[in-house]
Protein backbone atom coordinates (compact mmCIF):
# COMPACT_ATOMS: atom_id res chain seq x y z
CA UNK A 1 0.06 0.01 0.24
CA UNK A 2 2.72 2.44 0.63
CA UNK A 3 4.26 1.76 -2.57
CA UNK A 4 1.10 2.68 -4.17
CA UNK A 5 0.66 5.59 -2.37
CA UNK A 6 4.15 6.91 -3.30
CA UNK A 7 3.25 6.19 -6.90
CA UNK A 8 0.29 8.15 -6.56
CA UNK A 9 2.00 11.31 -5.25
CA UNK A 10 4.80 11.12 -8.08
CA UNK A 11 1.67 10.70 -10.60
CA UNK A 12 0.10 13.76 -8.90
CA UNK A 13 3.52 15.91 -9.21
CA UNK A 14 3.90 14.98 -12.89
CA UNK A 15 0.71 16.05 -13.56
CA UNK A 16 1.07 19.28 -11.61
CA UNK A 17 4.07 20.21 -13.43
CA UNK A 18 2.44 19.24 -16.88
CA UNK A 19 -0.33 21.83 -16.17
CA UNK A 20 2.20 24.29 -14.79
CA UNK A 21 4.55 24.35 -18.10
CA UNK A 22 2.08 23.34 -20.76
CA UNK A 23 -0.82 25.46 -19.53
CA UNK A 24 -0.21 28.07 -16.93
CA UNK A 25 3.34 29.16 -18.04
CA UNK A 26 2.32 29.96 -21.58
CA UNK A 27 -0.96 31.94 -20.67
CA UNK A 28 1.68 33.99 -18.11
CA UNK A 29 4.18 34.24 -21.13
CA UNK A 30 1.33 35.38 -23.18
CA UNK A 31 0.04 37.93 -20.75
CA UNK A 32 3.25 39.23 -19.07
CA UNK A 33 5.77 38.70 -21.85
CA UNK A 34 8.11 36.86 -19.26
CA UNK A 35 8.43 33.23 -17.89
CA UNK A 36 6.64 32.20 -14.82
CA UNK A 37 9.64 31.91 -12.67
CA UNK A 38 13.55 32.16 -12.97
CA UNK A 39 15.05 30.60 -9.98
CA UNK A 40 14.41 27.43 -8.39
CA UNK A 41 17.57 25.44 -6.77
CA UNK A 42 16.72 23.14 -3.85
CA UNK A 43 20.63 22.98 -3.28
CA UNK A 44 22.57 26.07 -4.09
CA UNK A 45 26.32 25.67 -5.62
CA UNK A 46 28.89 27.39 -3.13
CA UNK A 47 31.76 29.17 -4.39
CA UNK A 48 34.95 29.81 -2.32
CA UNK A 49 35.80 32.99 -0.79
CA UNK A 50 38.37 34.05 -2.88
CA UNK A 51 35.93 33.59 -6.22
CA UNK A 52 33.52 35.59 -4.07
CA UNK A 53 36.23 38.40 -3.84
CA UNK A 54 36.89 38.66 -7.46
CA UNK A 55 33.03 38.81 -8.44
CA UNK A 56 32.87 41.68 -6.19
CA UNK A 57 35.63 43.42 -7.56
CA UNK A 58 34.77 42.79 -11.26
CA UNK A 59 31.10 42.89 -11.29
CA UNK A 60 29.29 45.97 -10.24
CA UNK A 61 26.14 44.20 -11.41
CA UNK A 62 26.69 41.59 -8.75
CA UNK A 63 27.59 43.75 -5.91
CA UNK A 64 24.31 45.61 -6.42
CA UNK A 65 21.91 42.66 -6.16
CA UNK A 66 20.33 41.79 -3.31
CA UNK A 67 21.88 38.59 -0.79
CA UNK A 68 19.55 36.22 -2.23
CA UNK A 69 20.36 36.95 -5.89
CA UNK A 70 24.00 37.05 -5.05
CA UNK A 71 23.53 33.58 -4.10
CA UNK A 72 21.66 32.71 -7.27
CA UNK A 73 24.42 34.65 -9.38
CA UNK A 74 27.23 32.37 -7.50
CA UNK A 75 25.23 29.47 -8.19
CA UNK A 76 24.87 30.00 -11.87
CA UNK A 77 28.77 30.89 -12.14
CA UNK A 78 29.97 27.89 -10.69
CA UNK A 79 27.70 25.85 -12.76
CA UNK A 80 28.66 27.50 -16.05
CA UNK A 81 32.40 26.96 -15.08
CA UNK A 82 31.56 23.12 -14.58
CA UNK A 83 29.21 22.90 -17.68
CA UNK A 84 31.72 24.23 -20.28
CA UNK A 85 35.26 23.38 -21.78
CA UNK A 86 37.89 25.83 -21.02
CA UNK A 87 40.76 25.47 -23.18
CA UNK A 88 43.86 27.82 -23.34
CA UNK A 89 45.90 28.11 -26.59
CA UNK A 90 49.61 29.73 -25.67
CA UNK A 91 48.04 30.70 -22.42
CA UNK A 92 47.28 29.26 -19.10
CA UNK A 93 43.19 29.45 -18.43
CA UNK A 94 43.26 30.75 -14.53
CA UNK A 95 40.46 30.72 -12.37
CA UNK A 96 40.06 34.16 -12.23
CA UNK A 97 39.68 34.18 -16.24
CA UNK A 98 37.26 31.59 -15.82
CA UNK A 99 35.24 33.72 -13.37
CA UNK A 100 35.33 36.85 -15.29
CA UNK A 101 34.02 35.11 -18.81
CA UNK A 102 31.26 33.08 -16.67
CA UNK A 103 30.42 36.45 -14.66
CA UNK A 104 29.84 38.00 -17.93
CA UNK A 105 27.60 35.24 -19.43
CA UNK A 106 25.71 34.99 -16.08
CA UNK A 107 25.23 38.92 -16.05
CA UNK A 108 23.79 38.82 -19.72
CA UNK A 109 21.53 35.89 -18.77
CA UNK A 110 20.51 36.60 -15.42
CA UNK A 111 16.93 37.22 -16.44
CA UNK A 112 16.65 33.55 -18.02
CA UNK A 113 15.63 30.67 -16.61
CA UNK A 114 17.30 28.47 -18.88
CA UNK A 115 20.80 29.70 -19.00
CA UNK A 116 23.02 26.78 -19.52
CA UNK A 117 22.30 26.09 -23.41
CA UNK A 118 23.80 23.54 -25.49
CA UNK A 119 24.77 25.40 -28.78
CA UNK A 120 28.32 25.77 -27.39
CA UNK A 121 30.55 23.70 -25.32
CA UNK A 122 33.95 24.92 -25.60
CA UNK A 123 35.40 28.18 -24.70
CA UNK A 124 38.98 28.69 -26.39
CA UNK A 125 41.15 31.61 -25.24
CA UNK A 126 43.95 32.80 -27.10
CA UNK A 127 46.55 35.63 -25.64
CA UNK A 128 45.70 37.79 -28.26
CA UNK A 129 44.20 38.46 -31.77
CA UNK A 130 44.41 35.14 -33.30
CA UNK A 131 44.36 33.75 -37.09
CA UNK A 132 41.03 32.19 -37.93
CA UNK A 133 41.02 29.35 -40.33
CA UNK A 134 37.50 29.75 -41.09
CA UNK A 135 37.66 33.17 -43.40
CA UNK A 136 41.74 33.45 -43.33
CA UNK A 137 41.65 36.60 -41.23
CA UNK A 138 42.66 37.59 -37.77
CA UNK A 139 39.94 37.61 -35.13
CA UNK A 140 39.44 38.96 -31.61
CA UNK A 141 36.69 36.75 -31.29
CA UNK A 142 33.94 34.52 -32.87
CA UNK A 143 31.30 31.99 -32.45
CA UNK A 144 31.27 28.94 -34.20
CA UNK A 145 27.92 27.10 -34.14
CA UNK A 146 29.15 24.09 -36.10
CA UNK A 147 31.86 23.47 -33.45
CA UNK A 148 29.84 24.48 -30.64
CA UNK A 149 32.99 26.79 -29.90
CA UNK A 150 33.45 30.49 -28.73
CA UNK A 151 36.74 31.83 -29.18
CA UNK A 152 38.20 34.78 -27.55
CA UNK A 153 41.45 37.03 -27.47
CA UNK A 154 42.03 37.35 -23.80
CA UNK A 155 43.64 40.79 -24.27
CA UNK A 156 40.38 42.23 -26.03
CA UNK A 157 38.22 40.26 -23.77
CA UNK A 158 39.97 41.85 -20.58
CA UNK A 159 39.96 45.19 -22.10
CA UNK A 160 36.40 45.25 -22.91
CA UNK A 161 35.35 44.32 -19.52
CA UNK A 162 37.61 46.61 -17.86
CA UNK A 163 36.60 49.84 -20.11
CA UNK A 164 33.38 51.36 -20.38
CA UNK A 165 33.70 52.50 -24.23
CA UNK A 166 30.52 50.26 -25.54
CA UNK A 167 33.00 47.47 -27.03
CA UNK A 168 32.67 44.40 -25.10
CA UNK A 169 34.06 41.16 -26.60
CA UNK A 170 32.54 39.10 -24.04
CA UNK A 171 28.99 40.42 -24.24
CA UNK A 172 29.05 40.50 -28.01
CA UNK A 173 30.13 37.21 -28.85
CA UNK A 174 27.68 35.67 -26.15
CA UNK A 175 24.70 37.47 -27.54
CA UNK A 176 25.38 36.20 -30.90
CA UNK A 177 25.07 32.81 -29.29
CA UNK A 178 21.84 33.73 -27.44
CA UNK A 179 20.45 35.01 -30.73
CA UNK A 180 21.30 31.80 -32.36
CA UNK A 181 19.49 29.76 -29.34
CA UNK A 182 16.48 31.99 -29.94
CA UNK A 183 15.86 30.74 -33.64
CA UNK A 184 16.67 27.14 -32.43
CA UNK A 185 14.86 26.49 -29.24
CA UNK A 186 11.15 27.26 -28.02
CA UNK A 187 11.70 27.81 -24.00
CA UNK A 188 9.92 30.71 -22.65
CA UNK A 189 12.94 33.24 -22.49
CA UNK A 190 13.85 32.20 -26.15
CA UNK A 191 10.58 33.21 -27.50
CA UNK A 192 11.04 36.26 -25.85
CA UNK A 193 14.51 37.01 -27.31
CA UNK A 194 13.28 36.28 -30.82
CA UNK A 195 10.14 38.05 -30.52
CA UNK A 196 12.01 41.24 -29.34
CA UNK A 197 14.41 40.75 -32.07
CA UNK A 198 11.88 41.05 -34.54
CA UNK A 199 10.86 44.62 -33.19
CA UNK A 200 14.34 45.46 -32.85
CA UNK A 201 15.47 44.64 -36.39
CA UNK A 202 13.02 47.07 -37.47
CA UNK A 203 15.74 49.88 -36.59
CA UNK A 204 17.78 48.19 -38.83
CA UNK A 205 15.38 47.42 -41.73
CA UNK A 206 13.52 50.89 -41.78
CA UNK A 207 15.62 53.59 -43.29
CA UNK A 208 14.07 56.30 -41.42
CA UNK A 209 14.77 54.59 -38.02
CA UNK A 210 18.29 53.81 -38.74
CA UNK A 211 19.12 56.99 -40.19
CA UNK A 212 18.02 58.37 -36.46
CA UNK A 213 20.60 55.98 -34.81
CA UNK A 214 23.33 56.85 -37.23
CA UNK A 215 22.69 61.04 -36.69
CA UNK A 216 23.35 60.17 -32.85
CA UNK A 217 26.89 58.61 -33.54
CA UNK A 218 25.83 56.35 -30.48
CA UNK A 219 26.40 53.11 -31.91
CA UNK A 220 29.80 52.57 -33.70
CA UNK A 221 29.41 51.92 -37.45
CA UNK A 222 30.29 48.12 -36.95
CA UNK A 223 26.67 47.83 -35.98
CA UNK A 224 25.21 48.49 -39.36
CA UNK A 225 27.17 45.47 -40.71
CA UNK A 226 24.02 43.41 -40.47
CA UNK A 227 21.41 42.65 -38.28
CA UNK A 228 23.32 40.16 -36.02
CA UNK A 229 26.10 42.63 -35.49
CA UNK A 230 23.55 45.34 -34.78
CA UNK A 231 22.03 43.24 -31.89
CA UNK A 232 25.51 42.43 -30.50
CA UNK A 233 26.57 45.94 -30.57
CA UNK A 234 23.58 47.40 -28.76
CA UNK A 235 23.74 44.81 -26.08
CA UNK A 236 27.21 46.03 -25.20
CA UNK A 237 25.82 49.65 -25.06
CA UNK A 238 22.97 48.40 -22.66
CA UNK A 239 25.14 47.08 -20.03
CA UNK A 240 28.11 49.60 -20.30
CA UNK A 241 26.23 53.01 -20.59
CA UNK A 242 22.28 52.13 -19.75
CA UNK A 243 21.62 55.92 -18.88
CA UNK A 244 22.74 57.37 -22.15
CA UNK A 245 21.21 54.53 -24.19
CA UNK A 246 17.83 54.68 -22.29
CA UNK A 247 18.01 58.63 -22.78
CA UNK A 248 18.73 58.64 -26.36
CA UNK A 249 16.56 55.64 -27.62
CA UNK A 250 13.78 54.58 -24.76
CA UNK A 251 11.73 52.64 -26.74
CA UNK A 252 14.56 50.54 -28.25
CA UNK A 253 16.03 50.10 -24.50
CA UNK A 254 12.83 48.79 -23.62
CA UNK A 255 13.13 46.56 -26.21
CA UNK A 256 16.57 45.12 -25.28
CA UNK A 257 15.59 45.14 -21.50
CA UNK A 258 12.55 42.71 -22.42
CA UNK A 259 14.46 40.63 -24.44
CA UNK A 260 16.81 39.50 -22.03
CA UNK A 261 14.27 39.96 -19.04
CA UNK A 262 16.76 42.57 -16.96
CA UNK A 263 15.27 43.48 -13.72
CA UNK A 264 18.59 45.21 -12.11
CA UNK A 265 18.85 48.31 -14.06
């Protein structure tokens, strides 16, 4: 009888989960344009005190979070480091490097529930610019979906991380990953990301809107290379100079904010 009781409980739990994810969340998503929930971790991963010190020093975003969300951030950083393979090319990949790369990604995806995605598996790091065999050119970074690999020049990654000049290699390449993911997946955050991109791309497609952006000289010229680069560049600006972005282009700013479900600005 006890066995039958437990089977019944498991059946009820499964039924409730099906109702939540197949019925309630789609309705919630339609009404509020955000997932039903973000954080549910029965057991939170803990990071070492020295790792916490690095996050405090390197990420004002993390420092400004309430204590509960700081623990979620730490949990995600540790999971990220454990989930992906780091490969240094003529450079030793240190724990601090892993923390800064992971922290950048977690900051970008903090409003997403499904933050660990399978469209990349490897993070390759060169000390400086490297020669790409894909197009026979020197690169600072790239995302190769076929190889499930992101490549960074550490010199340029660190420079973008440390300076607020609206050029942030980590945010740029990780945005390409999220964009690609939004076209392949159907979880709530992927749906929201893709839908908002459809709104954002009008600033690239419609000549009058594109000209208004160009007149301000806020986004660098590289943004207008194509829609994919446009998106990556505006995400760099969103995190690096949000006050200016919101003042100059409030509607576009809100599109980006909704796209990544950003709550900490």
